[in-house]
């Protein structure tokens, strides 16, 4: 299974949640609401989940093995970092246009 697209849907400046992401696999399956979290100076992803009646959360979708989770996490965080760089470049360009 190959990741064919990663879309950074929303970026947050404050708090531990840094982004909400959609990931497409093999151009045929999309997983929405993957979260990029920064806690204890480490980035990781949290899979989409839903709240149960007993106020606990259960993942709706999740990687089955550690190797796939590591690959998914690495690719999503790389896409998040690329998005931050693109946003920083866009901000720098808009500032230079004002000056």
Protein backbone atom coordinates (compact mmCIF):
# COMPACT_ATOMS: atom_id res chain seq x y z
CA UNK A 1 0.00 0.00 0.00
CA UNK A 2 1.43 3.35 -1.08
CA UNK A 3 0.61 6.83 0.14
CA UNK A 4 -0.38 8.71 -3.00
CA UNK A 5 -1.42 12.04 -1.47
CA UNK A 6 -1.22 13.93 1.79
CA UNK A 7 -3.27 17.10 2.23
CA UNK A 8 -2.70 19.38 5.18
CA UNK A 9 -6.26 20.57 5.87
CA UNK A 10 -5.64 22.95 8.75
CA UNK A 11 -2.59 24.17 10.68
CA UNK A 12 -2.72 25.35 14.29
CA UNK A 13 -0.23 27.65 16.02
CA UNK A 14 -1.32 27.15 19.62
CA UNK A 15 -1.65 23.99 21.67
CA UNK A 16 -0.28 20.50 21.09
CA UNK A 17 -2.43 19.76 18.00
CA UNK A 18 -0.51 21.21 15.06
CA UNK A 19 -2.46 20.04 12.00
CA UNK A 20 -5.36 18.05 10.65
CA UNK A 21 -4.43 15.93 7.64
CA UNK A 22 -6.06 13.72 5.00
CA UNK A 23 -4.06 10.81 3.57
CA UNK A 24 -4.88 8.95 0.34
CA UNK A 25 -3.67 5.39 -0.23
CA UNK A 26 -3.18 3.87 -3.69
CA UNK A 27 -5.29 6.70 -5.13
CA UNK A 28 -8.34 4.79 -3.90
CA UNK A 29 -8.82 5.18 -0.14
CA UNK A 30 -8.82 8.46 1.81
CA UNK A 31 -8.44 8.71 5.57
CA UNK A 32 -9.48 12.08 6.99
CA UNK A 33 -8.87 13.73 10.35
CA UNK A 34 -5.40 12.36 11.06
CA UNK A 35 -3.94 14.74 13.65
CA UNK A 36 -0.33 15.92 13.95
CA UNK A 37 0.53 16.37 17.63
CA UNK A 38 3.59 17.94 19.27
CA UNK A 39 4.11 16.88 22.87
CA UNK A 40 7.27 16.61 24.93
CA UNK A 41 9.31 18.00 22.01
CA UNK A 42 8.23 15.12 19.75
CA UNK A 43 5.88 15.02 16.77
CA UNK A 44 3.54 12.07 16.27
CA UNK A 45 0.21 11.34 14.61
CA UNK A 46 -3.14 10.37 16.09
CA UNK A 47 -5.56 8.42 13.98
CA UNK A 48 -9.23 9.45 13.60
CA UNK A 49 -11.42 8.29 16.47
CA UNK A 50 -14.92 8.56 17.83
CA UNK A 51 -16.23 8.99 21.33
CA UNK A 52 -17.95 5.99 22.90
CA UNK A 53 -20.98 6.30 25.21
CA UNK A 54 -18.67 5.74 28.22
CA UNK A 55 -16.60 8.85 27.22
CA UNK A 56 -13.63 6.81 25.99
CA UNK A 57 -12.31 7.10 22.44
CA UNK A 58 -11.84 4.34 19.89
CA UNK A 59 -9.79 4.62 16.67
CA UNK A 60 -11.92 4.37 13.54
CA UNK A 61 -8.95 3.32 11.44
CA UNK A 62 -5.40 2.45 12.46
CA UNK A 63 -2.19 0.86 11.18
CA UNK A 64 -1.92 -2.86 11.93
CA UNK A 65 1.85 -3.02 12.42
CA UNK A 66 4.64 -0.81 13.74
CA UNK A 67 6.47 -0.61 10.41
CA UNK A 68 3.47 0.82 8.58
CA UNK A 69 2.71 3.22 11.46
CA UNK A 70 6.30 4.50 11.39
CA UNK A 71 6.19 5.01 7.61
CA UNK A 72 2.82 6.78 7.81
CA UNK A 73 3.99 8.99 10.67
CA UNK A 74 7.24 9.87 8.87
CA UNK A 75 5.42 10.82 5.63
CA UNK A 76 2.68 12.85 7.36
CA UNK A 77 5.16 14.78 9.51
CA UNK A 78 7.35 15.46 6.45
CA UNK A 79 4.29 16.83 4.61
CA UNK A 80 3.42 18.98 7.66
CA UNK A 81 6.98 20.38 7.76
CA UNK A 82 6.84 21.12 4.01
CA UNK A 83 3.54 22.95 4.53
CA UNK A 84 5.08 25.05 7.33
CA UNK A 85 7.99 25.93 5.06
CA UNK A 86 5.62 26.90 2.23
CA UNK A 87 3.58 29.07 4.60
CA UNK A 88 6.74 30.76 5.91
CA UNK A 89 7.92 31.45 2.34
CA UNK A 90 4.50 32.86 1.40
CA UNK A 91 4.58 35.14 4.47
CA UNK A 92 8.11 36.31 3.61
CA UNK A 93 7.06 37.08 0.04
CA UNK A 94 4.01 39.05 1.15
CA UNK A 95 6.13 41.05 3.60
CA UNK A 96 8.71 41.87 0.90
CA UNK A 97 5.90 43.03 -1.42
CA UNK A 98 4.68 45.50 1.21
CA UNK A 99 8.18 46.94 1.68
